[in-house]
PDB file of all heavy atoms in Angstrom:
ATOM      1  N   TYR A   1      -4.382  -3.658  14.045  1.00  0.00           N
ATOM      2  CA  TYR A   1      -4.205  -4.955  14.725  1.00  0.00           C
ATOM      3  C   TYR A   1      -2.983  -5.669  14.177  1.00  0.00           C
ATOM      4  O   TYR A   1      -2.274  -6.397  14.879  1.00  0.00           O
ATOM      5  CB  TYR A   1      -5.438  -5.790  14.653  1.00  0.00           C
ATOM      6  CG  TYR A   1      -6.572  -5.312  15.555  1.00  0.00           C
ATOM      7  CD1 TYR A   1      -7.462  -4.348  15.112  1.00  0.00           C
ATOM      8  CD2 TYR A   1      -6.672  -5.773  16.835  1.00  0.00           C
ATOM      9  CE1 TYR A   1      -8.454  -3.862  15.921  1.00  0.00           C
ATOM     10  CE2 TYR A   1      -7.690  -5.301  17.695  1.00  0.00           C
ATOM     11  CZ  TYR A   1      -8.554  -4.359  17.213  1.00  0.00           C
ATOM     12  OH  TYR A   1      -9.572  -3.906  18.068  1.00  0.00           O
ATOM     13  N   LEU A   2      -2.702  -5.490  12.908  1.00  0.00           N
ATOM     14  CA  LEU A   2      -1.475  -6.074  12.305  1.00  0.00           C
ATOM     15  C   LEU A   2      -0.254  -5.428  12.954  1.00  0.00           C
ATOM     16  O   LEU A   2       0.721  -6.134  13.273  1.00  0.00           O
ATOM     17  CB  LEU A   2      -1.429  -5.857  10.798  1.00  0.00           C
ATOM     18  CG  LEU A   2      -2.320  -6.748   9.927  1.00  0.00           C
ATOM     19  CD1 LEU A   2      -2.329  -6.252   8.486  1.00  0.00           C
ATOM     20  CD2 LEU A   2      -1.854  -8.194  10.022  1.00  0.00           C
ATOM     21  N   VAL A   3      -0.271  -4.126  13.141  1.00  0.00           N
ATOM     22  CA  VAL A   3       0.820  -3.435  13.783  1.00  0.00           C
ATOM     23  C   VAL A   3       1.014  -3.965  15.216  1.00  0.00           C
ATOM     24  O   VAL A   3       2.101  -4.266  15.660  1.00  0.00           O
ATOM     25  CB  VAL A   3       0.600  -1.904  13.823  1.00  0.00           C
ATOM     26  CG1 VAL A   3       1.571  -1.225  14.767  1.00  0.00           C
ATOM     27  CG2 VAL A   3       0.719  -1.314  12.431  1.00  0.00           C
ATOM     28  N   ASP A   4      -0.114  -4.109  15.939  1.00  0.00           N
ATOM     29  CA  ASP A   4      -0.035  -4.673  17.304  1.00  0.00           C
ATOM     30  C   ASP A   4       0.600  -6.053  17.301  1.00  0.00           C
ATOM     31  O   ASP A   4       1.524  -6.340  18.080  1.00  0.00           O
ATOM     32  CB  ASP A   4      -1.465  -4.801  17.870  1.00  0.00           C
ATOM     33  CG  ASP A   4      -1.866  -3.629  18.697  1.00  0.00           C
ATOM     34  OD1 ASP A   4      -1.014  -2.749  18.974  1.00  0.00           O
ATOM     35  OD2 ASP A   4      -3.057  -3.536  19.004  1.00  0.00           O
ATOM     36  N   ALA A   5       0.089  -6.925  16.428  1.00  0.00           N
ATOM     37  CA  ALA A   5       0.538  -8.311  16.438  1.00  0.00           C
ATOM     38  C   ALA A   5       2.046  -8.393  16.033  1.00  0.00           C
ATOM     39  O   ALA A   5       2.777  -9.201  16.593  1.00  0.00           O
ATOM     40  CB  ALA A   5      -0.280  -9.153  15.463  1.00  0.00           C
ATOM     41  N   LEU A   6       2.450  -7.581  15.093  1.00  0.00           N
ATOM     42  CA  LEU A   6       3.864  -7.601  14.678  1.00  0.00           C
ATOM     43  C   LEU A   6       4.754  -7.124  15.827  1.00  0.00           C
ATOM     44  O   LEU A   6       5.815  -7.754  16.143  1.00  0.00           O
ATOM     45  CB  LEU A   6       4.056  -6.682  13.448  1.00  0.00           C
ATOM     46  CG  LEU A   6       3.535  -7.268  12.110  1.00  0.00           C
ATOM     47  CD1 LEU A   6       3.476  -6.154  11.076  1.00  0.00           C
ATOM     48  CD2 LEU A   6       4.376  -8.435  11.656  1.00  0.00           C
ATOM     49  N   LEU A   7       4.393  -6.006  16.452  1.00  0.00           N
ATOM     50  CA  LEU A   7       5.214  -5.456  17.545  1.00  0.00           C
ATOM     51  C   LEU A   7       5.265  -6.430  18.719  1.00  0.00           C
ATOM     52  O   LEU A   7       6.327  -6.683  19.332  1.00  0.00           O
ATOM     53  CB  LEU A   7       4.675  -4.113  17.978  1.00  0.00           C
ATOM     54  CG  LEU A   7       4.902  -2.964  17.042  1.00  0.00           C
ATOM     55  CD1 LEU A   7       4.077  -1.719  17.461  1.00  0.00           C
ATOM     56  CD2 LEU A   7       6.380  -2.618  16.945  1.00  0.00           C
ATOM     57  N   ASP A   8       4.115  -7.032  19.066  1.00  0.00           N
ATOM     58  CA  ASP A   8       4.055  -7.963  20.196  1.00  0.00           C
ATOM     59  C   ASP A   8       4.893  -9.214  19.917  1.00  0.00           C
ATOM     60  O   ASP A   8       5.310  -9.861  20.906  1.00  0.00           O
ATOM     61  CB  ASP A   8       2.613  -8.302  20.507  1.00  0.00           C
ATOM     62  CG  ASP A   8       1.818  -7.123  21.041  1.00  0.00           C
ATOM     63  OD1 ASP A   8       2.444  -6.100  21.398  1.00  0.00           O
ATOM     64  OD2 ASP A   8       0.565  -7.230  21.043  1.00  0.00           O
ATOM     65  N   ALA A   9       5.053  -9.552  18.644  1.00  0.00           N
ATOM     66  CA  ALA A   9       5.880 -10.689  18.307  1.00  0.00           C
ATOM     67  C   ALA A   9       7.353 -10.358  18.091  1.00  0.00           C
ATOM     68  O   ALA A   9       8.162 -11.220  17.743  1.00  0.00           O
ATOM     69  CB  ALA A   9       5.340 -11.382  17.063  1.00  0.00           C
ATOM     70  N   GLY A  10       7.703  -9.097  18.303  1.00  0.00           N
ATOM     71  CA  GLY A  10       9.126  -8.689  18.214  1.00  0.00           C
ATOM     72  C   GLY A  10       9.561  -8.276  16.829  1.00  0.00           C
ATOM     73  O   GLY A  10      10.779  -8.112  16.603  1.00  0.00           O
ATOM     74  N   HIS A  11       8.616  -8.080  15.892  1.00  0.00           N
ATOM     75  CA  HIS A  11       8.968  -7.610  14.552  1.00  0.00           C
ATOM     76  C   HIS A  11       9.018  -6.137  14.461  1.00  0.00           C
ATOM     77  O   HIS A  11       8.609  -5.426  15.360  1.00  0.00           O
ATOM     78  CB  HIS A  11       7.971  -8.215  13.548  1.00  0.00           C
ATOM     79  CG  HIS A  11       7.900  -9.715  13.542  1.00  0.00           C
ATOM     80  ND1 HIS A  11       8.959 -10.525  13.233  1.00  0.00           N
ATOM     81  CD2 HIS A  11       6.839 -10.534  13.737  1.00  0.00           C
ATOM     82  CE1 HIS A  11       8.624 -11.777  13.307  1.00  0.00           C
ATOM     83  NE2 HIS A  11       7.336 -11.803  13.582  1.00  0.00           N
ATOM     84  N   GLU A  12       9.492  -5.621  13.338  1.00  0.00           N
ATOM     85  CA  GLU A  12       9.666  -4.164  13.137  1.00  0.00           C
ATOM     86  C   GLU A  12       8.764  -3.718  11.966  1.00  0.00           C
ATOM     87  O   GLU A  12       9.106  -3.965  10.810  1.00  0.00           O
ATOM     88  CB  GLU A  12      11.135  -3.830  12.812  1.00  0.00           C
ATOM     89  CG  GLU A  12      12.114  -4.186  13.892  1.00  0.00           C
ATOM     90  CD  GLU A  12      13.546  -3.870  13.462  1.00  0.00           C
ATOM     91  OE1 GLU A  12      13.770  -2.855  12.798  1.00  0.00           O
ATOM     92  OE2 GLU A  12      14.472  -4.633  13.797  1.00  0.00           O
ATOM     93  N   PRO A  13       7.663  -3.062  12.255  1.00  0.00           N
ATOM     94  CA  PRO A  13       6.778  -2.593  11.162  1.00  0.00           C
ATOM     95  C   PRO A  13       7.328  -1.321  10.520  1.00  0.00           C
ATOM     96  O   PRO A  13       7.695  -0.360  11.164  1.00  0.00           O
ATOM     97  CB  PRO A  13       5.434  -2.323  11.878  1.00  0.00           C
ATOM     98  CG  PRO A  13       5.537  -2.901  13.264  1.00  0.00           C
ATOM     99  CD  PRO A  13       7.019  -2.914  13.541  1.00  0.00           C
ATOM    100  N   HIS A  14       7.374  -1.388   9.183  1.00  0.00           N
ATOM    101  CA  HIS A  14       7.717  -0.218   8.376  1.00  0.00           C
ATOM    102  C   HIS A  14       6.442   0.119   7.563  1.00  0.00           C
ATOM    103  O   HIS A  14       6.066  -0.688   6.680  1.00  0.00           O
ATOM    104  CB  HIS A  14       8.888  -0.522   7.425  1.00  0.00           C
ATOM    105  CG  HIS A  14      10.197  -0.691   8.158  1.00  0.00           C
ATOM    106  ND1 HIS A  14      11.266   0.097   7.903  1.00  0.00           N
ATOM    107  CD2 HIS A  14      10.550  -1.551   9.145  1.00  0.00           C
ATOM    108  CE1 HIS A  14      12.267  -0.293   8.707  1.00  0.00           C
ATOM    109  NE2 HIS A  14      11.874  -1.292   9.453  1.00  0.00           N
ATOM    110  N   VAL A  15       5.812   1.223   7.883  1.00  0.00           N
ATOM    111  CA  VAL A  15       4.448   1.490   7.389  1.00  0.00           C
ATOM    112  C   VAL A  15       4.436   2.641   6.390  1.00  0.00           C
ATOM    113  O   VAL A  15       4.996   3.709   6.629  1.00  0.00           O
ATOM    114  CB  VAL A  15       3.498   1.806   8.569  1.00  0.00           C
ATOM    115  CG1 VAL A  15       2.083   1.851   8.100  1.00  0.00           C
ATOM    116  CG2 VAL A  15       3.668   0.798   9.687  1.00  0.00           C
ATOM    117  N   LEU A  16       3.795   2.420   5.237  1.00  0.00           N
ATOM    118  CA  LEU A  16       3.476   3.483   4.288  1.00  0.00           C
ATOM    119  C   LEU A  16       2.272   4.249   4.758  1.00  0.00           C
ATOM    120  O   LEU A  16       1.199   3.667   4.961  1.00  0.00           O
ATOM    121  CB  LEU A  16       3.257   2.896   2.896  1.00  0.00           C
ATOM    122  CG  LEU A  16       3.035   3.916   1.773  1.00  0.00           C
ATOM    123  CD1 LEU A  16       4.290   4.744   1.488  1.00  0.00           C
ATOM    124  CD2 LEU A  16       2.550   3.228   0.494  1.00  0.00           C
ATOM    125  N   VAL A  17       2.441   5.553   4.959  1.00  0.00           N
ATOM    126  CA  VAL A  17       1.385   6.406   5.504  1.00  0.00           C
ATOM    127  C   VAL A  17       1.136   7.564   4.613  1.00  0.00           C
ATOM    128  O   VAL A  17       2.095   8.310   4.278  1.00  0.00           O
ATOM    129  CB  VAL A  17       1.720   6.886   6.948  1.00  0.00           C
ATOM    130  CG1 VAL A  17       0.632   7.787   7.482  1.00  0.00           C
ATOM    131  CG2 VAL A  17       1.944   5.721   7.876  1.00  0.00           C
ATOM    132  N   ARG A  18      -0.097   7.773   4.208  1.00  0.00           N
ATOM    133  CA  ARG A  18      -0.409   8.909   3.405  1.00  0.00           C
ATOM    134  C   ARG A  18      -0.179  10.202   4.174  1.00  0.00           C
ATOM    135  O   ARG A  18      -0.559  10.294   5.360  1.00  0.00           O
ATOM    136  CB  ARG A  18      -1.871   8.879   2.946  1.00  0.00           C
ATOM    137  CG  ARG A  18      -2.154   7.864   1.849  1.00  0.00           C
ATOM    138  CD  ARG A  18      -3.632   7.795   1.555  1.00  0.00           C
ATOM    139  NE  ARG A  18      -4.385   7.473   2.720  1.00  0.00           N
ATOM    140  CZ  ARG A  18      -5.709   7.511   2.813  1.00  0.00           C
ATOM    141  NH1 ARG A  18      -6.421   7.945   1.772  1.00  0.00           N
ATOM    142  NH2 ARG A  18      -6.354   7.193   3.918  1.00  0.00           N
ATOM    143  N   PRO A  19       0.359  11.212   3.557  1.00  0.00           N
ATOM    144  CA  PRO A  19       0.568  12.498   4.270  1.00  0.00           C
ATOM    145  C   PRO A  19      -0.803  12.995   4.822  1.00  0.00           C
ATOM    146  O   PRO A  19      -1.827  13.017   4.129  1.00  0.00           O
ATOM    147  CB  PRO A  19       1.078  13.442   3.149  1.00  0.00           C
ATOM    148  CG  PRO A  19       1.759  12.532   2.196  1.00  0.00           C
ATOM    149  CD  PRO A  19       0.927  11.250   2.187  1.00  0.00           C
ATOM    150  N   GLY A  20      -0.754  13.412   6.105  1.00  0.00           N
ATOM    151  CA  GLY A  20      -1.969  13.785   6.740  1.00  0.00           C
ATOM    152  C   GLY A  20      -2.675  12.729   7.545  1.00  0.00           C
ATOM    153  O   GLY A  20      -3.614  12.987   8.288  1.00  0.00           O
ATOM    154  N   SER A  21      -2.226  11.439   7.339  1.00  0.00           N
ATOM    155  CA  SER A  21      -2.847  10.340   8.093  1.00  0.00           C
ATOM    156  C   SER A  21      -1.961   9.797   9.200  1.00  0.00           C
ATOM    157  O   SER A  21      -2.230   8.709   9.700  1.00  0.00           O
ATOM    158  CB  SER A  21      -3.175   9.212   7.091  1.00  0.00           C
ATOM    159  OG  SER A  21      -4.130   9.627   6.112  1.00  0.00           O
ATOM    160  N   GLU A  22      -0.943  10.534   9.553  1.00  0.00           N
ATOM    161  CA  GLU A  22      -0.028  10.063  10.572  1.00  0.00           C
ATOM    162  C   GLU A  22      -0.716   9.739  11.872  1.00  0.00           C
ATOM    163  O   GLU A  22      -0.353   8.790  12.589  1.00  0.00           O
ATOM    164  CB  GLU A  22       1.115  11.097  10.801  1.00  0.00           C
ATOM    165  CG  GLU A  22       2.020  11.312   9.597  1.00  0.00           C
ATOM    166  CD  GLU A  22       1.429  12.319   8.596  1.00  0.00           C
ATOM    167  OE1 GLU A  22       0.305  12.806   8.812  1.00  0.00           O
ATOM    168  OE2 GLU A  22       2.151  12.640   7.633  1.00  0.00           O
ATOM    169  N   ASN A  23      -1.726  10.539  12.218  1.00  0.00           N
ATOM    170  CA  ASN A  23      -2.413  10.317  13.520  1.00  0.00           C
ATOM    171  C   ASN A  23      -3.284   9.083  13.497  1.00  0.00           C
ATOM    172  O   ASN A  23      -3.802   8.672  14.570  1.00  0.00           O
ATOM    173  CB  ASN A  23      -3.261  11.568  13.870  1.00  0.00           C
ATOM    174  CG  ASN A  23      -4.353  11.807  12.871  1.00  0.00           C
ATOM    175  OD1 ASN A  23      -4.271  11.371  11.711  1.00  0.00           O
ATOM    176  ND2 ASN A  23      -5.389  12.544  13.300  1.00  0.00           N
ATOM    177  N   LYS A  24      -3.461   8.470  12.354  1.00  0.00           N
ATOM    178  CA  LYS A  24      -4.262   7.226  12.261  1.00  0.00           C
ATOM    179  C   LYS A  24      -3.426   5.964  12.528  1.00  0.00           C
ATOM    180  O   LYS A  24      -3.992   4.887  12.668  1.00  0.00           O
ATOM    181  CB  LYS A  24      -4.908   7.117  10.872  1.00  0.00           C
ATOM    182  CG  LYS A  24      -5.929   8.219  10.559  1.00  0.00           C
ATOM    183  CD  LYS A  24      -6.523   8.026   9.187  1.00  0.00           C
ATOM    184  CE  LYS A  24      -7.493   9.119   8.865  1.00  0.00           C
ATOM    185  NZ  LYS A  24      -8.090   8.948   7.484  1.00  0.00           N
ATOM    186  N   LEU A  25      -2.121   6.117  12.565  1.00  0.00           N
ATOM    187  CA  LEU A  25      -1.261   4.983  12.747  1.00  0.00           C
ATOM    188  C   LEU A  25      -1.153   4.579  14.247  1.00  0.00           C
ATOM    189  O   LEU A  25      -0.704   5.406  15.056  1.00  0.00           O
ATOM    190  CB  LEU A  25       0.117   5.256  12.199  1.00  0.00           C
ATOM    191  CG  LEU A  25       1.174   4.098  12.333  1.00  0.00           C
ATOM    192  CD1 LEU A  25       0.686   2.878  11.612  1.00  0.00           C
ATOM    193  CD2 LEU A  25       2.506   4.563  11.808  1.00  0.00           C
ATOM    194  N   HIS A  26      -1.557   3.401  14.551  1.00  0.00           N
ATOM    195  CA  HIS A  26      -1.509   2.861  15.888  1.00  0.00           C
ATOM    196  C   HIS A  26      -0.077   2.595  16.344  1.00  0.00           C
ATOM    197  O   HIS A  26       0.706   2.022  15.558  1.00  0.00           O
ATOM    198  CB  HIS A  26      -2.380   1.583  15.955  1.00  0.00           C
ATOM    199  CG  HIS A  26      -2.623   1.040  17.322  1.00  0.00           C
ATOM    200  ND1 HIS A  26      -3.292   1.750  18.293  1.00  0.00           N
ATOM    201  CD2 HIS A  26      -2.274  -0.128  17.899  1.00  0.00           C
ATOM    202  CE1 HIS A  26      -3.358   1.039  19.387  1.00  0.00           C
ATOM    203  NE2 HIS A  26      -2.777  -0.104  19.168  1.00  0.00           N
ATOM    204  N   ARG A  27       0.300   3.058  17.556  1.00  0.00           N
ATOM    205  CA  ARG A  27       1.633   2.828  18.075  1.00  0.00           C
ATOM    206  C   ARG A  27       2.691   3.387  17.149  1.00  0.00           C
ATOM    207  O   ARG A  27       3.715   2.756  16.873  1.00  0.00           O
ATOM    208  CB  ARG A  27       1.852   1.355  18.430  1.00  0.00           C
ATOM    209  CG  ARG A  27       0.907   0.864  19.526  1.00  0.00           C
ATOM    210  CD  ARG A  27       0.911  -0.637  19.691  1.00  0.00           C
ATOM    211  NE  ARG A  27       2.153  -1.151  20.284  1.00  0.00           N
ATOM    212  CZ  ARG A  27       2.339  -2.385  20.650  1.00  0.00           C
ATOM    213  NH1 ARG A  27       1.373  -3.291  20.509  1.00  0.00           N
ATOM    214  NH2 ARG A  27       3.504  -2.775  21.156  1.00  0.00           N
ATOM    215  N   ALA A  28       2.422   4.572  16.644  1.00  0.00           N
ATOM    216  CA  ALA A  28       3.314   5.137  15.642  1.00  0.00           C
ATOM    217  C   ALA A  28       4.746   5.296  16.093  1.00  0.00           C
ATOM    218  O   ALA A  28       5.701   5.158  15.310  1.00  0.00           O
ATOM    219  CB  ALA A  28       2.752   6.528  15.173  1.00  0.00           C
ATOM    220  N   SER A  29       4.928   5.619  17.394  1.00  0.00           N
ATOM    221  CA  SER A  29       6.302   5.818  17.914  1.00  0.00           C
ATOM    222  C   SER A  29       7.142   4.557  17.840  1.00  0.00           C
ATOM    223  O   SER A  29       8.371   4.633  17.930  1.00  0.00           O
ATOM    224  CB  SER A  29       6.255   6.331  19.365  1.00  0.00           C
ATOM    225  OG  SER A  29       5.656   5.368  20.208  1.00  0.00           O
TER     226      SER A  29
END
């Protein structure tokens, strides 16, 4: 939901993701 809120407000999320957890990131693209 933080990713959603940041993107919807026009911000750029830079996310630390554990290897193997890439599919857990919402709106990863």
